[in-house]
PDB file of all heavy atoms in Angstrom:
ATOM      1  N   LEU A   1     167.079  62.679 131.889  1.00  0.00           N
ATOM      2  CA  LEU A   1     167.126  61.452 132.734  1.00  0.00           C
ATOM      3  C   LEU A   1     168.042  61.929 134.000  1.00  0.00           C
ATOM      4  O   LEU A   1     167.676  61.557 135.123  1.00  0.00           O
ATOM      5  CB  LEU A   1     167.758  60.383 132.007  1.00  0.00           C
ATOM      6  CG  LEU A   1     167.856  59.054 132.767  1.00  0.00           C
ATOM      7  CD1 LEU A   1     166.477  58.533 133.192  1.00  0.00           C
ATOM      8  CD2 LEU A   1     168.635  58.001 132.014  1.00  0.00           C
ATOM      9  N   ILE A   2     169.042  62.690 133.788  1.00  0.00           N
ATOM     10  CA  ILE A   2     169.913  63.072 134.818  1.00  0.00           C
ATOM     11  C   ILE A   2     169.146  64.051 135.785  1.00  0.00           C
ATOM     12  O   ILE A   2     169.354  63.967 136.978  1.00  0.00           O
ATOM     13  CB  ILE A   2     171.227  63.728 134.271  1.00  0.00           C
ATOM     14  CG1 ILE A   2     172.006  62.646 133.609  1.00  0.00           C
ATOM     15  CG2 ILE A   2     171.977  64.423 135.363  1.00  0.00           C
ATOM     16  CD1 ILE A   2     173.246  63.289 132.908  1.00  0.00           C
ATOM     17  N   LYS A   3     168.277  64.917 135.183  1.00  0.00           N
ATOM     18  CA  LYS A   3     167.541  65.779 136.021  1.00  0.00           C
ATOM     19  C   LYS A   3     166.751  65.019 137.004  1.00  0.00           C
ATOM     20  O   LYS A   3     166.495  65.366 138.218  1.00  0.00           O
ATOM     21  CB  LYS A   3     166.663  66.672 135.136  1.00  0.00           C
ATOM     22  CG  LYS A   3     165.909  67.739 135.931  1.00  0.00           C
ATOM     23  CD  LYS A   3     165.123  68.568 134.929  1.00  0.00           C
ATOM     24  CE  LYS A   3     164.384  69.652 135.601  1.00  0.00           C
ATOM     25  NZ  LYS A   3     163.638  70.540 134.697  1.00  0.00           N
ATOM     26  N   LYS A   4     166.174  63.859 136.473  1.00  0.00           N
ATOM     27  CA  LYS A   4     165.310  63.042 137.315  1.00  0.00           C
ATOM     28  C   LYS A   4     166.154  62.411 138.425  1.00  0.00           C
ATOM     29  O   LYS A   4     165.656  62.330 139.589  1.00  0.00           O
ATOM     30  CB  LYS A   4     164.619  61.983 136.398  1.00  0.00           C
ATOM     31  CG  LYS A   4     163.790  60.872 137.216  1.00  0.00           C
ATOM     32  CD  LYS A   4     163.219  59.902 136.277  1.00  0.00           C
ATOM     33  CE  LYS A   4     162.513  58.836 137.024  1.00  0.00           C
ATOM     34  NZ  LYS A   4     161.923  57.733 136.115  1.00  0.00           N
ATOM     35  N   PHE A   5     167.339  61.933 138.131  1.00  0.00           N
ATOM     36  CA  PHE A   5     168.235  61.323 139.077  1.00  0.00           C
ATOM     37  C   PHE A   5     168.607  62.333 140.188  1.00  0.00           C
ATOM     38  O   PHE A   5     168.590  62.023 141.369  1.00  0.00           O
ATOM     39  CB  PHE A   5     169.567  60.869 138.425  1.00  0.00           C
ATOM     40  CG  PHE A   5     169.399  59.600 137.549  1.00  0.00           C
ATOM     41  CD1 PHE A   5     170.308  59.345 136.557  1.00  0.00           C
ATOM     42  CD2 PHE A   5     168.330  58.725 137.736  1.00  0.00           C
ATOM     43  CE1 PHE A   5     170.103  58.193 135.716  1.00  0.00           C
ATOM     44  CE2 PHE A   5     168.136  57.605 136.978  1.00  0.00           C
ATOM     45  CZ  PHE A   5     169.068  57.377 135.944  1.00  0.00           C
ATOM     46  N   ILE A   6     168.767  63.554 139.766  1.00  0.00           N
ATOM     47  CA  ILE A   6     169.205  64.585 140.788  1.00  0.00           C
ATOM     48  C   ILE A   6     167.984  64.773 141.726  1.00  0.00           C
ATOM     49  O   ILE A   6     168.157  64.954 142.906  1.00  0.00           O
ATOM     50  CB  ILE A   6     169.590  65.883 140.024  1.00  0.00           C
ATOM     51  CG1 ILE A   6     170.878  65.647 139.264  1.00  0.00           C
ATOM     52  CG2 ILE A   6     169.749  66.955 141.008  1.00  0.00           C
ATOM     53  CD1 ILE A   6     171.242  66.889 138.408  1.00  0.00           C
ATOM     54  N   ARG A   7     166.834  64.885 141.131  1.00  0.00           N
ATOM     55  CA  ARG A   7     165.603  65.136 141.934  1.00  0.00           C
ATOM     56  C   ARG A   7     165.258  64.115 142.895  1.00  0.00           C
ATOM     57  O   ARG A   7     164.960  64.328 144.081  1.00  0.00           O
ATOM     58  CB  ARG A   7     164.464  65.385 141.005  1.00  0.00           C
ATOM     59  CG  ARG A   7     163.146  65.803 141.743  1.00  0.00           C
ATOM     60  CD  ARG A   7     162.061  66.136 140.800  1.00  0.00           C
ATOM     61  NE  ARG A   7     161.661  65.139 139.925  1.00  0.00           N
ATOM     62  CZ  ARG A   7     161.966  65.045 138.675  1.00  0.00           C
ATOM     63  NH1 ARG A   7     162.595  65.979 138.026  1.00  0.00           N
ATOM     64  NH2 ARG A   7     161.546  63.937 137.900  1.00  0.00           N
ATOM     65  N   GLU A   8     165.499  62.732 142.420  1.00  0.00           N
ATOM     66  CA  GLU A   8     165.116  61.636 143.181  1.00  0.00           C
ATOM     67  C   GLU A   8     166.274  61.054 144.133  1.00  0.00           C
ATOM     68  O   GLU A   8     166.035  60.277 144.955  1.00  0.00           O
ATOM     69  CB  GLU A   8     164.581  60.508 142.397  1.00  0.00           C
ATOM     70  CG  GLU A   8     163.285  60.881 141.616  1.00  0.00           C
ATOM     71  CD  GLU A   8     162.771  59.824 140.689  1.00  0.00           C
ATOM     72  OE1 GLU A   8     163.555  58.804 140.581  1.00  0.00           O
ATOM     73  OE2 GLU A   8     161.706  60.016 140.046  1.00  0.00           O
ATOM     74  N   GLY A   9     167.513  61.460 143.649  1.00  0.00           N
ATOM     75  CA  GLY A   9     168.670  61.036 144.414  1.00  0.00           C
ATOM     76  C   GLY A   9     168.991  59.700 144.305  1.00  0.00           C
ATOM     77  O   GLY A   9     169.613  58.970 145.154  1.00  0.00           O
ATOM     78  N   VAL A  10     168.651  59.020 143.125  1.00  0.00           N
ATOM     79  CA  VAL A  10     168.895  57.621 142.876  1.00  0.00           C
ATOM     80  C   VAL A  10     169.563  57.486 141.457  1.00  0.00           C
ATOM     81  O   VAL A  10     169.291  58.252 140.545  1.00  0.00           O
ATOM     82  CB  VAL A  10     167.693  56.769 142.911  1.00  0.00           C
ATOM     83  CG1 VAL A  10     167.125  56.670 144.336  1.00  0.00           C
ATOM     84  CG2 VAL A  10     166.625  57.174 141.917  1.00  0.00           C
ATOM     85  N   SER A  11     170.521  56.491 141.368  1.00  0.00           N
ATOM     86  CA  SER A  11     171.061  56.182 140.073  1.00  0.00           C
ATOM     87  C   SER A  11     171.707  54.855 140.101  1.00  0.00           C
ATOM     88  O   SER A  11     172.328  54.479 141.104  1.00  0.00           O
ATOM     89  CB  SER A  11     172.127  57.402 139.789  1.00  0.00           C
ATOM     90  OG  SER A  11     172.845  56.929 138.576  1.00  0.00           O
ATOM     91  N   ASP A  12     171.586  54.150 138.961  1.00  0.00           N
ATOM     92  CA  ASP A  12     172.268  52.873 138.885  1.00  0.00           C
ATOM     93  C   ASP A  12     173.671  52.978 138.517  1.00  0.00           C
ATOM     94  O   ASP A  12     174.505  51.994 138.442  1.00  0.00           O
ATOM     95  CB  ASP A  12     171.555  51.949 137.893  1.00  0.00           C
ATOM     96  CG  ASP A  12     170.175  51.583 138.395  1.00  0.00           C
ATOM     97  OD1 ASP A  12     169.977  51.631 139.650  1.00  0.00           O
ATOM     98  OD2 ASP A  12     169.234  51.333 137.554  1.00  0.00           O
ATOM     99  N   SER A  13     174.137  54.147 138.164  1.00  0.00           N
ATOM    100  CA  SER A  13     175.541  54.421 137.644  1.00  0.00           C
ATOM    101  C   SER A  13     175.982  55.684 138.147  1.00  0.00           C
ATOM    102  O   SER A  13     175.307  56.546 138.349  1.00  0.00           O
ATOM    103  CB  SER A  13     175.516  54.275 136.085  1.00  0.00           C
ATOM    104  OG  SER A  13     176.759  54.573 135.514  1.00  0.00           O
ATOM    105  N   ASP A  14     177.342  55.707 138.212  1.00  0.00           N
ATOM    106  CA  ASP A  14     177.944  57.036 138.612  1.00  0.00           C
ATOM    107  C   ASP A  14     178.590  57.692 137.443  1.00  0.00           C
ATOM    108  O   ASP A  14     179.331  58.595 137.519  1.00  0.00           O
ATOM    109  CB  ASP A  14     179.031  56.885 139.648  1.00  0.00           C
ATOM    110  CG  ASP A  14     180.154  55.913 139.246  1.00  0.00           C
ATOM    111  OD1 ASP A  14     180.000  55.335 138.266  1.00  0.00           O
ATOM    112  OD2 ASP A  14     181.114  55.730 140.031  1.00  0.00           O
ATOM    113  N   ARG A  15     178.383  57.164 136.224  1.00  0.00           N
ATOM    114  CA  ARG A  15     178.919  57.640 134.952  1.00  0.00           C
ATOM    115  C   ARG A  15     177.794  57.538 133.887  1.00  0.00           C
ATOM    116  O   ARG A  15     177.505  56.393 133.480  1.00  0.00           O
ATOM    117  CB  ARG A  15     180.149  56.893 134.559  1.00  0.00           C
ATOM    118  CG  ARG A  15     180.880  57.576 133.352  1.00  0.00           C
ATOM    119  CD  ARG A  15     182.124  56.605 133.041  1.00  0.00           C
ATOM    120  NE  ARG A  15     182.871  57.344 131.970  1.00  0.00           N
ATOM    121  CZ  ARG A  15     182.681  57.098 130.665  1.00  0.00           C
ATOM    122  NH1 ARG A  15     181.648  56.262 130.362  1.00  0.00           N
ATOM    123  NH2 ARG A  15     183.414  57.686 129.786  1.00  0.00           N
ATOM    124  N   ILE A  16     177.368  58.597 133.366  1.00  0.00           N
ATOM    125  CA  ILE A  16     176.231  58.629 132.340  1.00  0.00           C
ATOM    126  C   ILE A  16     176.759  59.297 131.118  1.00  0.00           C
ATOM    127  O   ILE A  16     177.135  60.482 131.282  1.00  0.00           O
ATOM    128  CB  ILE A  16     174.947  59.240 132.919  1.00  0.00           C
ATOM    129  CG1 ILE A  16     174.418  58.444 134.232  1.00  0.00           C
ATOM    130  CG2 ILE A  16     173.862  59.249 131.802  1.00  0.00           C
ATOM    131  CD1 ILE A  16     173.274  59.085 134.783  1.00  0.00           C
ATOM    132  N   VAL A  17     176.688  58.644 130.059  1.00  0.00           N
ATOM    133  CA  VAL A  17     177.160  59.286 128.755  1.00  0.00           C
ATOM    134  C   VAL A  17     176.153  60.372 128.246  1.00  0.00           C
ATOM    135  O   VAL A  17     174.962  60.106 128.164  1.00  0.00           O
ATOM    136  CB  VAL A  17     177.343  58.227 127.737  1.00  0.00           C
ATOM    137  CG1 VAL A  17     177.718  58.796 126.347  1.00  0.00           C
ATOM    138  CG2 VAL A  17     178.375  57.195 128.150  1.00  0.00           C
ATOM    139  N   LEU A  18     176.729  61.547 128.074  1.00  0.00           N
ATOM    140  CA  LEU A  18     175.800  62.631 127.709  1.00  0.00           C
ATOM    141  C   LEU A  18     176.058  62.995 126.152  1.00  0.00           C
ATOM    142  O   LEU A  18     175.254  63.720 125.563  1.00  0.00           O
ATOM    143  CB  LEU A  18     176.206  63.894 128.556  1.00  0.00           C
ATOM    144  CG  LEU A  18     175.744  63.882 129.996  1.00  0.00           C
ATOM    145  CD1 LEU A  18     175.944  65.057 130.654  1.00  0.00           C
ATOM    146  CD2 LEU A  18     174.133  63.674 129.968  1.00  0.00           C
ATOM    147  N   ALA A  19     177.109  62.698 125.616  1.00  0.00           N
ATOM    148  CA  ALA A  19     177.419  63.149 124.239  1.00  0.00           C
ATOM    149  C   ALA A  19     178.304  61.999 123.555  1.00  0.00           C
ATOM    150  O   ALA A  19     179.187  61.430 124.174  1.00  0.00           O
ATOM    151  CB  ALA A  19     178.104  64.415 124.159  1.00  0.00           C
ATOM    152  N   ARG A  20     178.057  61.909 122.256  1.00  0.00           N
ATOM    153  CA  ARG A  20     178.764  60.877 121.479  1.00  0.00           C
ATOM    154  C   ARG A  20     179.167  61.535 120.119  1.00  0.00           C
ATOM    155  O   ARG A  20     178.295  62.242 119.523  1.00  0.00           O
ATOM    156  CB  ARG A  20     177.939  59.616 121.173  1.00  0.00           C
ATOM    157  CG  ARG A  20     177.716  58.781 122.455  1.00  0.00           C
ATOM    158  CD  ARG A  20     177.042  57.502 122.060  1.00  0.00           C
ATOM    159  NE  ARG A  20     176.843  56.553 123.146  1.00  0.00           N
ATOM    160  CZ  ARG A  20     175.849  56.652 124.011  1.00  0.00           C
ATOM    161  NH1 ARG A  20     174.859  57.515 123.872  1.00  0.00           N
ATOM    162  NH2 ARG A  20     175.714  55.792 125.044  1.00  0.00           N
ATOM    163  N   GLY A  21     180.472  61.325 119.832  1.00  0.00           N
ATOM    164  CA  GLY A  21     180.807  62.000 118.562  1.00  0.00           C
ATOM    165  C   GLY A  21     180.449  61.124 117.284  1.00  0.00           C
ATOM    166  O   GLY A  21     179.758  60.051 117.498  1.00  0.00           O
ATOM    167  N   ARG A  22     180.695  61.531 116.193  1.00  0.00           N
ATOM    168  CA  ARG A  22     180.349  60.861 114.886  1.00  0.00           C
ATOM    169  C   ARG A  22     181.549  60.278 114.267  1.00  0.00           C
ATOM    170  O   ARG A  22     182.448  61.130 113.919  1.00  0.00           O
ATOM    171  CB  ARG A  22     179.530  61.842 114.005  1.00  0.00           C
ATOM    172  CG  ARG A  22     179.021  61.199 112.819  1.00  0.00           C
ATOM    173  CD  ARG A  22     178.253  62.182 111.877  1.00  0.00           C
ATOM    174  NE  ARG A  22     179.194  63.033 111.240  1.00  0.00           N
ATOM    175  CZ  ARG A  22     179.181  64.385 110.970  1.00  0.00           C
ATOM    176  NH1 ARG A  22     177.983  64.918 111.425  1.00  0.00           N
ATOM    177  NH2 ARG A  22     180.011  65.044 110.500  1.00  0.00           N
ATOM    178  N   ASP A  23     181.550  59.017 114.091  1.00  0.00           N
ATOM    179  CA  ASP A  23     182.708  58.361 113.426  1.00  0.00           C
ATOM    180  C   ASP A  23     182.683  58.715 111.863  1.00  0.00           C
ATOM    181  O   ASP A  23     181.646  58.944 111.317  1.00  0.00           O
ATOM    182  CB  ASP A  23     182.632  56.850 113.520  1.00  0.00           C
ATOM    183  CG  ASP A  23     182.848  56.353 114.980  1.00  0.00           C
ATOM    184  OD1 ASP A  23     183.670  57.000 115.644  1.00  0.00           O
ATOM    185  OD2 ASP A  23     182.051  55.399 115.355  1.00  0.00           O
ATOM    186  N   PRO A  24     183.905  58.921 111.406  1.00  0.00           N
ATOM    187  CA  PRO A  24     184.019  59.169 109.915  1.00  0.00           C
ATOM    188  C   PRO A  24     183.613  57.942 109.129  1.00  0.00           C
ATOM    189  O   PRO A  24     183.741  56.836 109.546  1.00  0.00           O
ATOM    190  CB  PRO A  24     185.544  59.483 109.742  1.00  0.00           C
ATOM    191  CG  PRO A  24     186.262  58.769 110.852  1.00  0.00           C
ATOM    192  CD  PRO A  24     185.251  58.797 112.008  1.00  0.00           C
ATOM    193  N   ILE A  25     183.106  58.229 107.985  1.00  0.00           N
ATOM    194  CA  ILE A  25     182.637  57.209 107.061  1.00  0.00           C
ATOM    195  C   ILE A  25     183.640  57.292 105.810  1.00  0.00           C
ATOM    196  O   ILE A  25     183.697  58.202 105.140  1.00  0.00           O
ATOM    197  CB  ILE A  25     181.270  57.357 106.605  1.00  0.00           C
ATOM    198  CG1 ILE A  25     180.308  57.201 107.800  1.00  0.00           C
ATOM    199  CG2 ILE A  25     180.894  56.251 105.545  1.00  0.00           C
ATOM    200  CD1 ILE A  25     178.792  57.531 107.443  1.00  0.00           C
ATOM    201  N   ALA A  26     184.315  56.171 105.641  1.00  0.00           N
ATOM    202  CA  ALA A  26     185.321  56.121 104.566  1.00  0.00           C
ATOM    203  C   ALA A  26     184.702  56.123 103.222  1.00  0.00           C
ATOM    204  O   ALA A  26     183.558  55.536 103.002  1.00  0.00           O
ATOM    205  CB  ALA A  26     186.192  54.924 104.723  1.00  0.00           C
TER     206      ALA A  26
END
């Protein structure tokens, strides 16, 4: 999706989440 934003020069946000950790399961 970011590659598309770079190519088209448009984005609705200036901060895009690329990675999320995994919460521990008790």
